[in-house]
Amino acid sequence: MGLLCCFDGGNNAQRKEEDRIASAEALAKAAEAAQRRQEEFEKSAAGRAVRAQQQAVAKQAASANKGEPVLKWSMG
């Protein structure tokens, strides 16, 4: 049984390499598709609304704390 692995003529290594290449190609295609979806979303009205909301939240967070400590401690 242990000798059967030697009689495949190297097809196992070739098949693994082909699988690795196919996997890398699929990953690249998926990344390209995700990038296209992200760009389309950013161009859409919903994407612009999300960006405006994020900017408003960031602006509010930056102006909310005007030098006042967040936690106040007093001995009592």
PDB file of N, CA and C in Angstrom:
ATOM      1  N   MET A   1       0.808  -1.193   0.000  1.00  0.00           N
ATOM      2  CA  MET A   1       0.000   0.000   0.000  1.00  0.00           C
ATOM      3  C   MET A   1       0.854   1.261   0.000  1.00  0.00           C
ATOM      4  N   GLY A   2       1.919   1.251   0.738  1.00  0.00           N
ATOM      5  CA  GLY A   2       2.764   2.424   0.842  1.00  0.00           C
ATOM      6  C   GLY A   2       3.467   2.768  -0.448  1.00  0.00           C
ATOM      7  N   LEU A   3       3.626   1.798  -1.353  1.00  0.00           N
ATOM      8  CA  LEU A   3       4.330   2.041  -2.603  1.00  0.00           C
ATOM      9  C   LEU A   3       3.433   2.620  -3.689  1.00  0.00           C
ATOM     10  N   LEU A   4       2.141   2.609  -3.504  1.00  0.00           N
ATOM     11  CA  LEU A   4       1.226   3.109  -4.528  1.00  0.00           C
ATOM     12  C   LEU A   4       1.401   4.598  -4.778  1.00  0.00           C
ATOM     13  N   CYS A   5       1.861   5.331  -3.789  1.00  0.00           N
ATOM     14  CA  CYS A   5       2.029   6.767  -3.985  1.00  0.00           C
ATOM     15  C   CYS A   5       3.140   7.066  -4.983  1.00  0.00           C
ATOM     16  N   CYS A   6       4.019   6.140  -5.200  1.00  0.00           N
ATOM     17  CA  CYS A   6       5.154   6.365  -6.111  1.00  0.00           C
ATOM     18  C   CYS A   6       4.797   6.086  -7.557  1.00  0.00           C
ATOM     19  N   PHE A   7       3.652   5.470  -7.839  1.00  0.00           N
ATOM     20  CA  PHE A   7       3.316   5.061  -9.196  1.00  0.00           C
ATOM     21  C   PHE A   7       2.405   6.037  -9.913  1.00  0.00           C
ATOM     22  N   ASP A   8       2.147   7.197  -9.348  1.00  0.00           N
ATOM     23  CA  ASP A   8       1.268   8.150 -10.028  1.00  0.00           C
ATOM     24  C   ASP A   8       2.028   9.014 -11.023  1.00  0.00           C
ATOM     25  N   GLY A   9       3.312   8.861 -11.131  1.00  0.00           N
ATOM     26  CA  GLY A   9       4.102   9.567 -12.137  1.00  0.00           C
ATOM     27  C   GLY A   9       4.227  11.050 -11.886  1.00  0.00           C
ATOM     28  N   GLY A  10       4.083  11.510 -10.659  1.00  0.00           N
ATOM     29  CA  GLY A  10       4.219  12.924 -10.358  1.00  0.00           C
ATOM     30  C   GLY A  10       2.952  13.728 -10.583  1.00  0.00           C
ATOM     31  N   ASN A  11       1.860  13.068 -10.904  1.00  0.00           N
ATOM     32  CA  ASN A  11       0.603  13.777 -11.155  1.00  0.00           C
ATOM     33  C   ASN A  11       0.085  14.476  -9.910  1.00  0.00           C
ATOM     34  N   ASN A  12       0.386  13.935  -8.763  1.00  0.00           N
ATOM     35  CA  ASN A  12      -0.096  14.532  -7.522  1.00  0.00           C
ATOM     36  C   ASN A  12       0.498  15.929  -7.336  1.00  0.00           C
ATOM     37  N   ALA A  13       1.790  16.067  -7.553  1.00  0.00           N
ATOM     38  CA  ALA A  13       2.429  17.374  -7.411  1.00  0.00           C
ATOM     39  C   ALA A  13       1.912  18.350  -8.464  1.00  0.00           C
ATOM     40  N   GLN A  14       1.719  17.856  -9.681  1.00  0.00           N
ATOM     41  CA  GLN A  14       1.213  18.703 -10.752  1.00  0.00           C
ATOM     42  C   GLN A  14      -0.221  19.142 -10.441  1.00  0.00           C
ATOM     43  N   ARG A  15      -1.026  18.235  -9.930  1.00  0.00           N
ATOM     44  CA  ARG A  15      -2.408  18.559  -9.599  1.00  0.00           C
ATOM     45  C   ARG A  15      -2.463  19.586  -8.466  1.00  0.00           C
ATOM     46  N   LYS A  16      -1.584  19.430  -7.478  1.00  0.00           N
ATOM     47  CA  LYS A  16      -1.544  20.398  -6.387  1.00  0.00           C
ATOM     48  C   LYS A  16      -1.153  21.779  -6.890  1.00  0.00           C
ATOM     49  N   GLU A  17      -0.204  21.846  -7.804  1.00  0.00           N
ATOM     50  CA  GLU A  17       0.216  23.133  -8.365  1.00  0.00           C
ATOM     51  C   GLU A  17      -0.921  23.768  -9.166  1.00  0.00           C
ATOM     52  N   GLU A  18      -1.629  22.945  -9.954  1.00  0.00           N
ATOM     53  CA  GLU A  18      -2.764  23.463 -10.726  1.00  0.00           C
ATOM     54  C   GLU A  18      -3.869  23.962  -9.797  1.00  0.00           C
ATOM     55  N   ASP A  19      -4.109  23.232  -8.720  1.00  0.00           N
ATOM     56  CA  ASP A  19      -5.106  23.666  -7.744  1.00  0.00           C
ATOM     57  C   ASP A  19      -4.697  24.982  -7.093  1.00  0.00           C
ATOM     58  N   ARG A  20      -3.413  25.117  -6.784  1.00  0.00           N
ATOM     59  CA  ARG A  20      -2.914  26.340  -6.163  1.00  0.00           C
ATOM     60  C   ARG A  20      -3.082  27.522  -7.106  1.00  0.00           C
ATOM     61  N   ILE A  21      -2.769  27.314  -8.389  1.00  0.00           N
ATOM     62  CA  ILE A  21      -2.910  28.389  -9.380  1.00  0.00           C
ATOM     63  C   ILE A  21      -4.377  28.759  -9.562  1.00  0.00           C
ATOM     64  N   ALA A  22      -5.245  27.749  -9.629  1.00  0.00           N
ATOM     65  CA  ALA A  22      -6.675  28.013  -9.785  1.00  0.00           C
ATOM     66  C   ALA A  22      -7.208  28.763  -8.567  1.00  0.00           C
ATOM     67  N   SER A  23      -6.737  28.396  -7.396  1.00  0.00           N
ATOM     68  CA  SER A  23      -7.172  29.075  -6.179  1.00  0.00           C
ATOM     69  C   SER A  23      -6.717  30.534  -6.173  1.00  0.00           C
ATOM     70  N   ALA A  24      -5.481  30.773  -6.584  1.00  0.00           N
ATOM     71  CA  ALA A  24      -4.970  32.137  -6.636  1.00  0.00           C
ATOM     72  C   ALA A  24      -5.752  32.978  -7.648  1.00  0.00           C
ATOM     73  N   GLU A  25      -6.089  32.376  -8.787  1.00  0.00           N
ATOM     74  CA  GLU A  25      -6.870  33.094  -9.796  1.00  0.00           C
ATOM     75  C   GLU A  25      -8.270  33.415  -9.270  1.00  0.00           C
ATOM     76  N   ALA A  26      -8.885  32.461  -8.583  1.00  0.00           N
ATOM     77  CA  ALA A  26     -10.218  32.699  -8.024  1.00  0.00           C
ATOM     78  C   ALA A  26     -10.171  33.799  -6.976  1.00  0.00           C
ATOM     79  N   LEU A  27      -9.137  33.797  -6.162  1.00  0.00           N
ATOM     80  CA  LEU A  27      -8.985  34.835  -5.148  1.00  0.00           C
ATOM     81  C   LEU A  27      -8.807  36.209  -5.791  1.00  0.00           C
ATOM     82  N   ALA A  28      -8.027  36.279  -6.856  1.00  0.00           N
ATOM     83  CA  ALA A  28      -7.814  37.550  -7.550  1.00  0.00           C
ATOM     84  C   ALA A  28      -9.119  38.051  -8.162  1.00  0.00           C
ATOM     85  N   LYS A  29      -9.890  37.145  -8.762  1.00  0.00           N
ATOM     86  CA  LYS A  29     -11.170  37.536  -9.350  1.00  0.00           C
ATOM     87  C   LYS A  29     -12.136  38.020  -8.280  1.00  0.00           C
ATOM     88  N   ALA A  30     -12.150  37.354  -7.138  1.00  0.00           N
ATOM     89  CA  ALA A  30     -13.029  37.763  -6.043  1.00  0.00           C
ATOM     90  C   ALA A  30     -12.636  39.142  -5.520  1.00  0.00           C
ATOM     91  N   ALA A  31     -11.331  39.402  -5.427  1.00  0.00           N
ATOM     92  CA  ALA A  31     -10.872  40.708  -4.962  1.00  0.00           C
ATOM     93  C   ALA A  31     -11.260  41.804  -5.947  1.00  0.00           C
ATOM     94  N   GLU A  32     -11.133  41.524  -7.240  1.00  0.00           N
ATOM     95  CA  GLU A  32     -11.529  42.506  -8.259  1.00  0.00           C
ATOM     96  C   GLU A  32     -13.029  42.785  -8.184  1.00  0.00           C
ATOM     97  N   ALA A  33     -13.827  41.746  -8.007  1.00  0.00           N
ATOM     98  CA  ALA A  33     -15.272  41.921  -7.915  1.00  0.00           C
ATOM     99  C   ALA A  33     -15.643  42.727  -6.672  1.00  0.00           C
ATOM    100  N   ALA A  34     -14.970  42.459  -5.565  1.00  0.00           N
ATOM    101  CA  ALA A  34     -15.241  43.213  -4.342  1.00  0.00           C
ATOM    102  C   ALA A  34     -14.866  44.686  -4.517  1.00  0.00           C
ATOM    103  N   GLN A  35     -13.773  44.939  -5.208  1.00  0.00           N
ATOM    104  CA  GLN A  35     -13.353  46.318  -5.461  1.00  0.00           C
ATOM    105  C   GLN A  35     -14.383  47.039  -6.324  1.00  0.00           C
ATOM    106  N   ARG A  36     -14.891  46.352  -7.359  1.00  0.00           N
ATOM    107  CA  ARG A  36     -15.915  46.958  -8.223  1.00  0.00           C
ATOM    108  C   ARG A  36     -17.186  47.243  -7.440  1.00  0.00           C
ATOM    109  N   ARG A  37     -17.598  46.305  -6.575  1.00  0.00           N
ATOM    110  CA  ARG A  37     -18.800  46.536  -5.767  1.00  0.00           C
ATOM    111  C   ARG A  37     -18.610  47.718  -4.827  1.00  0.00           C
ATOM    112  N   GLN A  38     -17.421  47.831  -4.239  1.00  0.00           N
ATOM    113  CA  GLN A  38     -17.139  48.945  -3.328  1.00  0.00           C
ATOM    114  C   GLN A  38     -17.206  50.271  -4.085  1.00  0.00           C
ATOM    115  N   GLU A  39     -16.620  50.320  -5.276  1.00  0.00           N
ATOM    116  CA  GLU A  39     -16.642  51.552  -6.071  1.00  0.00           C
ATOM    117  C   GLU A  39     -18.066  51.915  -6.476  1.00  0.00           C
ATOM    118  N   GLU A  40     -18.865  50.928  -6.866  1.00  0.00           N
ATOM    119  CA  GLU A  40     -20.251  51.188  -7.241  1.00  0.00           C
ATOM    120  C   GLU A  40     -21.044  51.690  -6.039  1.00  0.00           C
ATOM    121  N   PHE A  41     -20.793  51.110  -4.864  1.00  0.00           N
ATOM    122  CA  PHE A  41     -21.497  51.547  -3.661  1.00  0.00           C
ATOM    123  C   PHE A  41     -21.140  52.983  -3.317  1.00  0.00           C
ATOM    124  N   GLU A  42     -19.855  53.326  -3.426  1.00  0.00           N
ATOM    125  CA  GLU A  42     -19.428  54.687  -3.105  1.00  0.00           C
ATOM    126  C   GLU A  42     -20.043  55.708  -4.052  1.00  0.00           C
ATOM    127  N   LYS A  43     -20.317  55.304  -5.286  1.00  0.00           N
ATOM    128  CA  LYS A  43     -20.942  56.203  -6.251  1.00  0.00           C
ATOM    129  C   LYS A  43     -22.445  56.328  -6.032  1.00  0.00           C
ATOM    130  N   SER A  44     -23.051  55.363  -5.373  1.00  0.00           N
ATOM    131  CA  SER A  44     -24.497  55.353  -5.202  1.00  0.00           C
ATOM    132  C   SER A  44     -24.927  56.363  -4.143  1.00  0.00           C
ATOM    133  N   ALA A  45     -26.221  56.639  -4.118  1.00  0.00           N
ATOM    134  CA  ALA A  45     -26.774  57.574  -3.124  1.00  0.00           C
ATOM    135  C   ALA A  45     -26.578  57.034  -1.713  1.00  0.00           C
ATOM    136  N   ALA A  46     -26.745  55.738  -1.541  1.00  0.00           N
ATOM    137  CA  ALA A  46     -26.562  55.137  -0.214  1.00  0.00           C
ATOM    138  C   ALA A  46     -25.113  55.285   0.247  1.00  0.00           C
ATOM    139  N   GLY A  47     -24.195  55.094  -0.672  1.00  0.00           N
ATOM    140  CA  GLY A  47     -22.780  55.241  -0.324  1.00  0.00           C
ATOM    141  C   GLY A  47     -22.435  56.665   0.070  1.00  0.00           C
ATOM    142  N   ARG A  48     -22.982  57.632  -0.655  1.00  0.00           N
ATOM    143  CA  ARG A  48     -22.744  59.038  -0.310  1.00  0.00           C
ATOM    144  C   ARG A  48     -23.359  59.374   1.041  1.00  0.00           C
ATOM    145  N   ALA A  49     -24.534  58.807   1.322  1.00  0.00           N
ATOM    146  CA  ALA A  49     -25.187  59.062   2.607  1.00  0.00           C
ATOM    147  C   ALA A  49     -24.370  58.484   3.758  1.00  0.00           C
ATOM    148  N   VAL A  50     -23.853  57.298   3.573  1.00  0.00           N
ATOM    149  CA  VAL A  50     -23.030  56.679   4.618  1.00  0.00           C
ATOM    150  C   VAL A  50     -21.783  57.513   4.865  1.00  0.00           C
ATOM    151  N   ARG A  51     -21.143  57.959   3.791  1.00  0.00           N
ATOM    152  CA  ARG A  51     -19.934  58.774   3.940  1.00  0.00           C
ATOM    153  C   ARG A  51     -20.247  60.078   4.672  1.00  0.00           C
ATOM    154  N   ALA A  52     -21.370  60.727   4.337  1.00  0.00           N
ATOM    155  CA  ALA A  52     -21.754  61.968   5.012  1.00  0.00           C
ATOM    156  C   ALA A  52     -22.044  61.716   6.490  1.00  0.00           C
ATOM    157  N   GLN A  53     -22.690  60.600   6.785  1.00  0.00           N
ATOM    158  CA  GLN A  53     -22.989  60.274   8.179  1.00  0.00           C
ATOM    159  C   GLN A  53     -21.700  60.013   8.958  1.00  0.00           C
ATOM    160  N   GLN A  54     -20.754  59.300   8.363  1.00  0.00           N
ATOM    161  CA  GLN A  54     -19.480  59.037   9.035  1.00  0.00           C
ATOM    162  C   GLN A  54     -18.727  60.340   9.299  1.00  0.00           C
ATOM    163  N   GLN A  55     -18.757  61.238   8.340  1.00  0.00           N
ATOM    164  CA  GLN A  55     -18.084  62.520   8.535  1.00  0.00           C
ATOM    165  C   GLN A  55     -18.759  63.330   9.638  1.00  0.00           C
ATOM    166  N   ALA A  56     -20.085  63.300   9.708  1.00  0.00           N
ATOM    167  CA  ALA A  56     -20.803  64.029  10.753  1.00  0.00           C
ATOM    168  C   ALA A  56     -20.493  63.454  12.131  1.00  0.00           C
ATOM    169  N   VAL A  57     -20.432  62.138  12.228  1.00  0.00           N
ATOM    170  CA  VAL A  57     -20.107  61.501  13.502  1.00  0.00           C
ATOM    171  C   VAL A  57     -18.691  61.858  13.918  1.00  0.00           C
ATOM    172  N   ALA A  58     -17.768  61.833  12.977  1.00  0.00           N
ATOM    173  CA  ALA A  58     -16.379  62.177  13.300  1.00  0.00           C
ATOM    174  C   ALA A  58     -16.269  63.632  13.735  1.00  0.00           C
ATOM    175  N   LYS A  59     -16.998  64.516  13.067  1.00  0.00           N
ATOM    176  CA  LYS A  59     -16.965  65.932  13.425  1.00  0.00           C
ATOM    177  C   LYS A  59     -17.554  66.152  14.814  1.00  0.00           C
ATOM    178  N   GLN A  60     -18.651  65.469  15.095  1.00  0.00           N
ATOM    179  CA  GLN A  60     -19.284  65.597  16.403  1.00  0.00           C
ATOM    180  C   GLN A  60     -18.373  65.051  17.494  1.00  0.00           C
ATOM    181  N   ALA A  61     -17.722  63.934  17.244  1.00  0.00           N
ATOM    182  CA  ALA A  61     -16.830  63.337  18.237  1.00  0.00           C
ATOM    183  C   ALA A  61     -15.627  64.244  18.494  1.00  0.00           C
ATOM    184  N   ALA A  62     -15.149  64.916  17.466  1.00  0.00           N
ATOM    185  CA  ALA A  62     -13.991  65.798  17.617  1.00  0.00           C
ATOM    186  C   ALA A  62     -14.361  67.055  18.410  1.00  0.00           C
ATOM    187  N   SER A  63     -15.597  67.520  18.265  1.00  0.00           N
ATOM    188  CA  SER A  63     -15.982  68.763  18.932  1.00  0.00           C
ATOM    189  C   SER A  63     -16.677  68.518  20.271  1.00  0.00           C
ATOM    190  N   ALA A  64     -16.981  67.280  20.610  1.00  0.00           N
ATOM    191  CA  ALA A  64     -17.728  66.991  21.831  1.00  0.00           C
ATOM    192  C   ALA A  64     -16.891  67.221  23.080  1.00  0.00           C
ATOM    193  N   ASN A  65     -15.620  66.961  23.010  1.00  0.00           N
ATOM    194  CA  ASN A  65     -14.772  67.052  24.189  1.00  0.00           C
ATOM    195  C   ASN A  65     -13.878  68.284  24.057  1.00  0.00           C
ATOM    196  N   LYS A  66     -14.300  69.374  24.639  1.00  0.00           N
ATOM    197  CA  LYS A  66     -13.552  70.638  24.542  1.00  0.00           C
ATOM    198  C   LYS A  66     -12.636  70.810  25.757  1.00  0.00           C
ATOM    199  N   GLY A  67     -11.747  69.873  25.964  1.00  0.00           N
ATOM    200  CA  GLY A  67     -10.794  69.984  27.048  1.00  0.00           C
ATOM    201  C   GLY A  67     -11.313  69.499  28.378  1.00  0.00           C
ATOM    202  N   GLU A  68     -12.551  69.109  28.435  1.00  0.00           N
ATOM    203  CA  GLU A  68     -13.133  68.617  29.676  1.00  0.00           C
ATOM    204  C   GLU A  68     -12.810  67.129  29.802  1.00  0.00           C
ATOM    205  N   PRO A  69     -12.383  66.689  30.970  1.00  0.00           N
ATOM    206  CA  PRO A  69     -12.072  65.268  31.120  1.00  0.00           C
ATOM    207  C   PRO A  69     -13.332  64.414  30.967  1.00  0.00           C
ATOM    208  N   VAL A  70     -13.160  63.265  30.398  1.00  0.00           N
ATOM    209  CA  VAL A  70     -14.292  62.374  30.181  1.00  0.00           C
ATOM    210  C   VAL A  70     -14.755  61.802  31.508  1.00  0.00           C
ATOM    211  N   LEU A  71     -13.803  61.382  32.339  1.00  0.00           N
ATOM    212  CA  LEU A  71     -14.142  60.841  33.643  1.00  0.00           C
ATOM    213  C   LEU A  71     -13.721  61.848  34.714  1.00  0.00           C
ATOM    214  N   LYS A  72     -14.629  62.143  35.587  1.00  0.00           N
ATOM    215  CA  LYS A  72     -14.323  63.065  36.675  1.00  0.00           C
ATOM    216  C   LYS A  72     -14.229  62.265  37.970  1.00  0.00           C
ATOM    217  N   TRP A  73     -13.223  62.553  38.727  1.00  0.00           N
ATOM    218  CA  TRP A  73     -13.008  61.820  39.961  1.00  0.00           C
ATOM    219  C   TRP A  73     -13.001  62.799  41.110  1.00  0.00           C
ATOM    220  N   SER A  74     -13.703  62.452  42.135  1.00  0.00           N
ATOM    221  CA  SER A  74     -13.693  63.318  43.313  1.00  0.00           C
ATOM    222  C   SER A  74     -13.621  62.462  44.561  1.00  0.00           C
ATOM    223  N   MET A  75     -12.974  62.981  45.552  1.00  0.00           N
ATOM    224  CA  MET A  75     -12.912  62.260  46.818  1.00  0.00           C
ATOM    225  C   MET A  75     -14.144  62.663  47.618  1.00  0.00           C
ATOM    226  N   GLY A  76     -14.771  61.720  48.147  1.00  0.00           N
ATOM    227  CA  GLY A  76     -15.960  62.124  48.872  1.00  0.00           C
ATOM    228  C   GLY A  76     -16.352  61.170  49.853  1.00  0.00           C
TER     229      GLY A  76
END
